[in-house]
Amino acid sequence: MRLIWYLIGITTIFLILINNPKGNNLNSFINKGSIIGSTRSTQQGLQLIIAFNVFLFLLITILSVLFLYIN
């Protein structure tokens, strides 16, 4: 359970660092004039995944605390 908690936390941090709402992603540093940019739907999808990861992180945290109090 703790391993899953760590993985979700690290994944959430990584996704937050990748996400840039202004649209300047890692590709823009490499390919300035490239068509491969982040679209609005991609940003919204990434933000949805981040919100889901945060929810899972908090849920696992609450379940872990409750499990400690029960035992």
PDB file of N, CA and C in Angstrom:
ATOM      1  N   MET A   1       0.831  -1.187   0.000  1.00  0.00           N
ATOM      2  CA  MET A   1       0.000   0.000   0.000  1.00  0.00           C
ATOM      3  C   MET A   1       0.882   1.260   0.000  1.00  0.00           C
ATOM      4  N   ARG A   2       1.950   1.190   0.783  1.00  0.00           N
ATOM      5  CA  ARG A   2       2.845   2.339   0.854  1.00  0.00           C
ATOM      6  C   ARG A   2       3.558   2.565  -0.480  1.00  0.00           C
ATOM      7  N   LEU A   3       3.901   1.474  -1.177  1.00  0.00           N
ATOM      8  CA  LEU A   3       4.553   1.593  -2.477  1.00  0.00           C
ATOM      9  C   LEU A   3       3.628   2.269  -3.487  1.00  0.00           C
ATOM     10  N   ILE A   4       2.364   1.897  -3.486  1.00  0.00           N
ATOM     11  CA  ILE A   4       1.386   2.523  -4.382  1.00  0.00           C
ATOM     12  C   ILE A   4       1.249   4.003  -4.041  1.00  0.00           C
ATOM     13  N   TRP A   5       1.258   4.328  -2.762  1.00  0.00           N
ATOM     14  CA  TRP A   5       1.154   5.714  -2.321  1.00  0.00           C
ATOM     15  C   TRP A   5       2.341   6.532  -2.825  1.00  0.00           C
ATOM     16  N   TYR A   6       3.548   5.960  -2.718  1.00  0.00           N
ATOM     17  CA  TYR A   6       4.746   6.635  -3.216  1.00  0.00           C
ATOM     18  C   TYR A   6       4.696   6.828  -4.728  1.00  0.00           C
ATOM     19  N   LEU A   7       4.284   5.784  -5.447  1.00  0.00           N
ATOM     20  CA  LEU A   7       4.226   5.877  -6.909  1.00  0.00           C
ATOM     21  C   LEU A   7       3.222   6.931  -7.374  1.00  0.00           C
ATOM     22  N   ILE A   8       2.064   6.987  -6.724  1.00  0.00           N
ATOM     23  CA  ILE A   8       1.068   7.991  -7.097  1.00  0.00           C
ATOM     24  C   ILE A   8       1.585   9.390  -6.790  1.00  0.00           C
ATOM     25  N   GLY A   9       2.267   9.558  -5.656  1.00  0.00           N
ATOM     26  CA  GLY A   9       2.819  10.854  -5.305  1.00  0.00           C
ATOM     27  C   GLY A   9       3.878  11.319  -6.287  1.00  0.00           C
ATOM     28  N   ILE A  10       4.788  10.423  -6.655  1.00  0.00           N
ATOM     29  CA  ILE A  10       5.841  10.780  -7.610  1.00  0.00           C
ATOM     30  C   ILE A  10       5.252  11.050  -8.986  1.00  0.00           C
ATOM     31  N   THR A  11       4.279  10.249  -9.394  1.00  0.00           N
ATOM     32  CA  THR A  11       3.629  10.470 -10.692  1.00  0.00           C
ATOM     33  C   THR A  11       2.910  11.818 -10.724  1.00  0.00           C
ATOM     34  N   THR A  12       2.239  12.165  -9.633  1.00  0.00           N
ATOM     35  CA  THR A  12       1.539  13.441  -9.565  1.00  0.00           C
ATOM     36  C   THR A  12       2.516  14.607  -9.659  1.00  0.00           C
ATOM     37  N   ILE A  13       3.612  14.517  -8.941  1.00  0.00           N
ATOM     38  CA  ILE A  13       4.627  15.579  -9.003  1.00  0.00           C
ATOM     39  C   ILE A  13       5.176  15.709 -10.414  1.00  0.00           C
ATOM     40  N   PHE A  14       5.479  14.586 -11.061  1.00  0.00           N
ATOM     41  CA  PHE A  14       5.996  14.607 -12.423  1.00  0.00           C
ATOM     42  C   PHE A  14       4.991  15.227 -13.394  1.00  0.00           C
ATOM     43  N   LEU A  15       3.722  14.859 -13.268  1.00  0.00           N
ATOM     44  CA  LEU A  15       2.694  15.413 -14.157  1.00  0.00           C
ATOM     45  C   LEU A  15       2.505  16.912 -13.933  1.00  0.00           C
ATOM     46  N   ILE A  16       2.589  17.352 -12.694  1.00  0.00           N
ATOM     47  CA  ILE A  16       2.458  18.783 -12.406  1.00  0.00           C
ATOM     48  C   ILE A  16       3.630  19.546 -13.007  1.00  0.00           C
ATOM     49  N   LEU A  17       4.819  18.973 -12.937  1.00  0.00           N
ATOM     50  CA  LEU A  17       5.980  19.645 -13.522  1.00  0.00           C
ATOM     51  C   LEU A  17       5.911  19.696 -15.043  1.00  0.00           C
ATOM     52  N   ILE A  18       5.321  18.674 -15.663  1.00  0.00           N
ATOM     53  CA  ILE A  18       5.174  18.677 -17.122  1.00  0.00           C
ATOM     54  C   ILE A  18       4.110  19.671 -17.555  1.00  0.00           C
ATOM     55  N   ASN A  19       3.038  19.778 -16.780  1.00  0.00           N
ATOM     56  CA  ASN A  19       1.915  20.634 -17.148  1.00  0.00           C
ATOM     57  C   ASN A  19       2.309  22.104 -17.055  1.00  0.00           C
ATOM     58  N   ASN A  20       2.042  22.835 -18.115  1.00  0.00           N
ATOM     59  CA  ASN A  20       2.244  24.269 -18.126  1.00  0.00           C
ATOM     60  C   ASN A  20       1.028  24.884 -18.808  1.00  0.00           C
ATOM     61  N   PRO A  21       0.163  25.543 -18.063  1.00  0.00           N
ATOM     62  CA  PRO A  21      -1.076  26.044 -18.656  1.00  0.00           C
ATOM     63  C   PRO A  21      -0.878  27.115 -19.714  1.00  0.00           C
ATOM     64  N   LYS A  22       0.280  27.719 -19.802  1.00  0.00           N
ATOM     65  CA  LYS A  22       0.517  28.734 -20.831  1.00  0.00           C
ATOM     66  C   LYS A  22       0.885  28.119 -22.172  1.00  0.00           C
ATOM     67  N   GLY A  23       1.060  26.809 -22.222  1.00  0.00           N
ATOM     68  CA  GLY A  23       1.301  26.137 -23.492  1.00  0.00           C
ATOM     69  C   GLY A  23       2.756  25.977 -23.848  1.00  0.00           C
ATOM     70  N   ASN A  24       3.681  26.430 -23.042  1.00  0.00           N
ATOM     71  CA  ASN A  24       5.094  26.242 -23.326  1.00  0.00           C
ATOM     72  C   ASN A  24       5.540  24.934 -22.708  1.00  0.00           C
ATOM     73  N   ASN A  25       5.520  23.891 -23.523  1.00  0.00           N
ATOM     74  CA  ASN A  25       5.918  22.595 -22.997  1.00  0.00           C
ATOM     75  C   ASN A  25       7.347  22.286 -23.394  1.00  0.00           C
ATOM     76  N   LEU A  26       7.802  21.087 -23.091  1.00  0.00           N
ATOM     77  CA  LEU A  26       9.179  20.710 -23.386  1.00  0.00           C
ATOM     78  C   LEU A  26       9.469  20.709 -24.880  1.00  0.00           C
ATOM     79  N   ASN A  27       8.453  20.427 -25.684  1.00  0.00           N
ATOM     80  CA  ASN A  27       8.652  20.413 -27.137  1.00  0.00           C
ATOM     81  C   ASN A  27       8.963  21.796 -27.683  1.00  0.00           C
ATOM     82  N   SER A  28       8.464  22.838 -27.037  1.00  0.00           N
ATOM     83  CA  SER A  28       8.691  24.180 -27.565  1.00  0.00           C
ATOM     84  C   SER A  28      10.141  24.609 -27.400  1.00  0.00           C
ATOM     85  N   PHE A  29      10.832  24.056 -26.431  1.00  0.00           N
ATOM     86  CA  PHE A  29      12.249  24.375 -26.290  1.00  0.00           C
ATOM     87  C   PHE A  29      13.073  23.704 -27.377  1.00  0.00           C
ATOM     88  N   ILE A  30      12.646  22.503 -27.762  1.00  0.00           N
ATOM     89  CA  ILE A  30      13.392  21.748 -28.768  1.00  0.00           C
ATOM     90  C   ILE A  30      12.970  22.164 -30.176  1.00  0.00           C
ATOM     91  N   ASN A  31      11.683  22.207 -30.435  1.00  0.00           N
ATOM     92  CA  ASN A  31      11.151  22.521 -31.764  1.00  0.00           C
ATOM     93  C   ASN A  31      10.348  23.804 -31.689  1.00  0.00           C
ATOM     94  N   LYS A  32      10.999  24.927 -31.890  1.00  0.00           N
ATOM     95  CA  LYS A  32      10.307  26.215 -31.764  1.00  0.00           C
ATOM     96  C   LYS A  32       9.176  26.368 -32.770  1.00  0.00           C
ATOM     97  N   GLY A  33       9.374  25.996 -34.003  1.00  0.00           N
ATOM     98  CA  GLY A  33       8.358  26.189 -35.016  1.00  0.00           C
ATOM     99  C   GLY A  33       7.577  24.938 -35.340  1.00  0.00           C
ATOM    100  N   SER A  34       7.611  23.975 -34.496  1.00  0.00           N
ATOM    101  CA  SER A  34       6.987  22.692 -34.784  1.00  0.00           C
ATOM    102  C   SER A  34       5.478  22.749 -34.594  1.00  0.00           C
ATOM    103  N   ILE A  35       4.797  21.907 -35.325  1.00  0.00           N
ATOM    104  CA  ILE A  35       3.347  21.791 -35.200  1.00  0.00           C
ATOM    105  C   ILE A  35       2.997  20.971 -33.962  1.00  0.00           C
ATOM    106  N   ILE A  36       3.945  20.181 -33.478  1.00  0.00           N
ATOM    107  CA  ILE A  36       3.699  19.311 -32.328  1.00  0.00           C
ATOM    108  C   ILE A  36       3.698  20.157 -31.066  1.00  0.00           C
ATOM    109  N   GLY A  37       2.624  20.844 -30.828  1.00  0.00           N
ATOM    110  CA  GLY A  37       2.478  21.625 -29.610  1.00  0.00           C
ATOM    111  C   GLY A  37       1.370  21.030 -28.775  1.00  0.00           C
ATOM    112  N   SER A  38       1.202  21.543 -27.593  1.00  0.00           N
ATOM    113  CA  SER A  38       0.125  21.022 -26.759  1.00  0.00           C
ATOM    114  C   SER A  38      -1.158  21.779 -27.080  1.00  0.00           C
ATOM    115  N   THR A  39      -2.174  21.049 -27.400  1.00  0.00           N
ATOM    116  CA  THR A  39      -3.460  21.656 -27.690  1.00  0.00           C
ATOM    117  C   THR A  39      -4.247  21.817 -26.401  1.00  0.00           C
ATOM    118  N   ARG A  40      -5.330  22.514 -26.498  1.00  0.00           N
ATOM    119  CA  ARG A  40      -6.157  22.752 -25.314  1.00  0.00           C
ATOM    120  C   ARG A  40      -6.732  21.450 -24.768  1.00  0.00           C
ATOM    121  N   SER A  41      -7.131  20.538 -25.657  1.00  0.00           N
ATOM    122  CA  SER A  41      -7.695  19.273 -25.193  1.00  0.00           C
ATOM    123  C   SER A  41      -6.631  18.423 -24.499  1.00  0.00           C
ATOM    124  N   THR A  42      -5.387  18.506 -24.963  1.00  0.00           N
ATOM    125  CA  THR A  42      -4.310  17.779 -24.307  1.00  0.00           C
ATOM    126  C   THR A  42      -4.068  18.333 -22.910  1.00  0.00           C
ATOM    127  N   GLN A  43      -4.083  19.648 -22.769  1.00  0.00           N
ATOM    128  CA  GLN A  43      -3.908  20.277 -21.461  1.00  0.00           C
ATOM    129  C   GLN A  43      -5.049  19.901 -20.518  1.00  0.00           C
ATOM    130  N   GLN A  44      -6.267  19.888 -21.031  1.00  0.00           N
ATOM    131  CA  GLN A  44      -7.406  19.520 -20.193  1.00  0.00           C
ATOM    132  C   GLN A  44      -7.327  18.062 -19.770  1.00  0.00           C
ATOM    133  N   GLY A  45      -6.896  17.197 -20.677  1.00  0.00           N
ATOM    134  CA  GLY A  45      -6.736  15.783 -20.339  1.00  0.00           C
ATOM    135  C   GLY A  45      -5.667  15.576 -19.280  1.00  0.00           C
ATOM    136  N   LEU A  46      -4.564  16.312 -19.414  1.00  0.00           N
ATOM    137  CA  LEU A  46      -3.492  16.217 -18.433  1.00  0.00           C
ATOM    138  C   LEU A  46      -3.943  16.729 -17.069  1.00  0.00           C
ATOM    139  N   GLN A  47      -4.708  17.803 -17.061  1.00  0.00           N
ATOM    140  CA  GLN A  47      -5.218  18.328 -15.794  1.00  0.00           C
ATOM    141  C   GLN A  47      -6.222  17.373 -15.159  1.00  0.00           C
ATOM    142  N   LEU A  48      -6.989  16.672 -15.967  1.00  0.00           N
ATOM    143  CA  LEU A  48      -7.911  15.666 -15.447  1.00  0.00           C
ATOM    144  C   LEU A  48      -7.151  14.496 -14.815  1.00  0.00           C
ATOM    145  N   ILE A  49      -6.080  14.071 -15.463  1.00  0.00           N
ATOM    146  CA  ILE A  49      -5.257  12.991 -14.915  1.00  0.00           C
ATOM    147  C   ILE A  49      -4.602  13.430 -13.611  1.00  0.00           C
ATOM    148  N   ILE A  50      -4.145  14.680 -13.545  1.00  0.00           N
ATOM    149  CA  ILE A  50      -3.539  15.207 -12.323  1.00  0.00           C
ATOM    150  C   ILE A  50      -4.571  15.237 -11.195  1.00  0.00           C
ATOM    151  N   ALA A  51      -5.779  15.692 -11.495  1.00  0.00           N
ATOM    152  CA  ALA A  51      -6.830  15.739 -10.476  1.00  0.00           C
ATOM    153  C   ALA A  51      -7.167  14.338  -9.980  1.00  0.00           C
ATOM    154  N   PHE A  52      -7.215  13.371 -10.865  1.00  0.00           N
ATOM    155  CA  PHE A  52      -7.489  11.992 -10.486  1.00  0.00           C
ATOM    156  C   PHE A  52      -6.376  11.434  -9.599  1.00  0.00           C
ATOM    157  N   ASN A  53      -5.111  11.731  -9.948  1.00  0.00           N
ATOM    158  CA  ASN A  53      -3.983  11.280  -9.131  1.00  0.00           C
ATOM    159  C   ASN A  53      -4.008  11.909  -7.750  1.00  0.00           C
ATOM    160  N   VAL A  54      -4.341  13.191  -7.668  1.00  0.00           N
ATOM    161  CA  VAL A  54      -4.427  13.853  -6.365  1.00  0.00           C
ATOM    162  C   VAL A  54      -5.537  13.222  -5.533  1.00  0.00           C
ATOM    163  N   PHE A  55      -6.669  12.935  -6.166  1.00  0.00           N
ATOM    164  CA  PHE A  55      -7.771  12.280  -5.469  1.00  0.00           C
ATOM    165  C   PHE A  55      -7.349  10.908  -4.945  1.00  0.00           C
ATOM    166  N   LEU A  56      -6.674  10.110  -5.779  1.00  0.00           N
ATOM    167  CA  LEU A  56      -6.202   8.794  -5.341  1.00  0.00           C
ATOM    168  C   LEU A  56      -5.206   8.914  -4.198  1.00  0.00           C
ATOM    169  N   PHE A  57      -4.306   9.894  -4.284  1.00  0.00           N
ATOM    170  CA  PHE A  57      -3.322  10.106  -3.235  1.00  0.00           C
ATOM    171  C   PHE A  57      -4.007  10.415  -1.903  1.00  0.00           C
ATOM    172  N   LEU A  58      -4.976  11.315  -1.943  1.00  0.00           N
ATOM    173  CA  LEU A  58      -5.687  11.666  -0.712  1.00  0.00           C
ATOM    174  C   LEU A  58      -6.517  10.497  -0.190  1.00  0.00           C
ATOM    175  N   LEU A  59      -7.135   9.743  -1.085  1.00  0.00           N
ATOM    176  CA  LEU A  59      -7.931   8.588  -0.680  1.00  0.00           C
ATOM    177  C   LEU A  59      -7.062   7.526  -0.004  1.00  0.00           C
ATOM    178  N   ILE A  60      -5.918   7.237  -0.590  1.00  0.00           N
ATOM    179  CA  ILE A  60      -5.022   6.246   0.004  1.00  0.00           C
ATOM    180  C   ILE A  60      -4.476   6.750   1.332  1.00  0.00           C
ATOM    181  N   THR A  61      -4.215   8.058   1.431  1.00  0.00           N
ATOM    182  CA  THR A  61      -3.751   8.630   2.696  1.00  0.00           C
ATOM    183  C   THR A  61      -4.806   8.458   3.783  1.00  0.00           C
ATOM    184  N   ILE A  62      -6.045   8.763   3.468  1.00  0.00           N
ATOM    185  CA  ILE A  62      -7.133   8.630   4.448  1.00  0.00           C
ATOM    186  C   ILE A  62      -7.332   7.169   4.838  1.00  0.00           C
ATOM    187  N   LEU A  63      -7.301   6.273   3.861  1.00  0.00           N
ATOM    188  CA  LEU A  63      -7.464   4.846   4.168  1.00  0.00           C
ATOM    189  C   LEU A  63      -6.316   4.328   5.021  1.00  0.00           C
ATOM    190  N   SER A  64      -5.115   4.794   4.779  1.00  0.00           N
ATOM    191  CA  SER A  64      -3.970   4.368   5.580  1.00  0.00           C
ATOM    192  C   SER A  64      -4.104   4.831   7.023  1.00  0.00           C
ATOM    193  N   VAL A  65      -4.545   6.070   7.208  1.00  0.00           N
ATOM    194  CA  VAL A  65      -4.727   6.598   8.561  1.00  0.00           C
ATOM    195  C   VAL A  65      -5.834   5.841   9.281  1.00  0.00           C
ATOM    196  N   LEU A  66      -6.935   5.575   8.603  1.00  0.00           N
ATOM    197  CA  LEU A  66      -8.026   4.819   9.213  1.00  0.00           C
ATOM    198  C   LEU A  66      -7.592   3.406   9.556  1.00  0.00           C
ATOM    199  N   PHE A  67      -6.805   2.798   8.694  1.00  0.00           N
ATOM    200  CA  PHE A  67      -6.321   1.449   8.956  1.00  0.00           C
ATOM    201  C   PHE A  67      -5.409   1.420  10.179  1.00  0.00           C
ATOM    202  N   LEU A  68      -4.602   2.466  10.369  1.00  0.00           N
ATOM    203  CA  LEU A  68      -3.739   2.534  11.553  1.00  0.00           C
ATOM    204  C   LEU A  68      -4.555   2.684  12.830  1.00  0.00           C
ATOM    205  N   TYR A  69      -5.626   3.464  12.778  1.00  0.00           N
ATOM    206  CA  TYR A  69      -6.452   3.660  13.959  1.00  0.00           C
ATOM    207  C   TYR A  69      -7.272   2.420  14.317  1.00  0.00           C
ATOM    208  N   ILE A  70      -7.655   1.640  13.312  1.00  0.00           N
ATOM    209  CA  ILE A  70      -8.434   0.430  13.559  1.00  0.00           C
ATOM    210  C   ILE A  70      -7.552  -0.630  14.220  1.00  0.00           C
ATOM    211  N   ASN A  71      -6.328  -0.751  13.757  1.00  0.00           N
ATOM    212  CA  ASN A  71      -5.424  -1.763  14.319  1.00  0.00           C
ATOM    213  C   ASN A  71      -4.720  -1.153  15.450  1.00  0.00           C
TER     214      ASN A  71
END
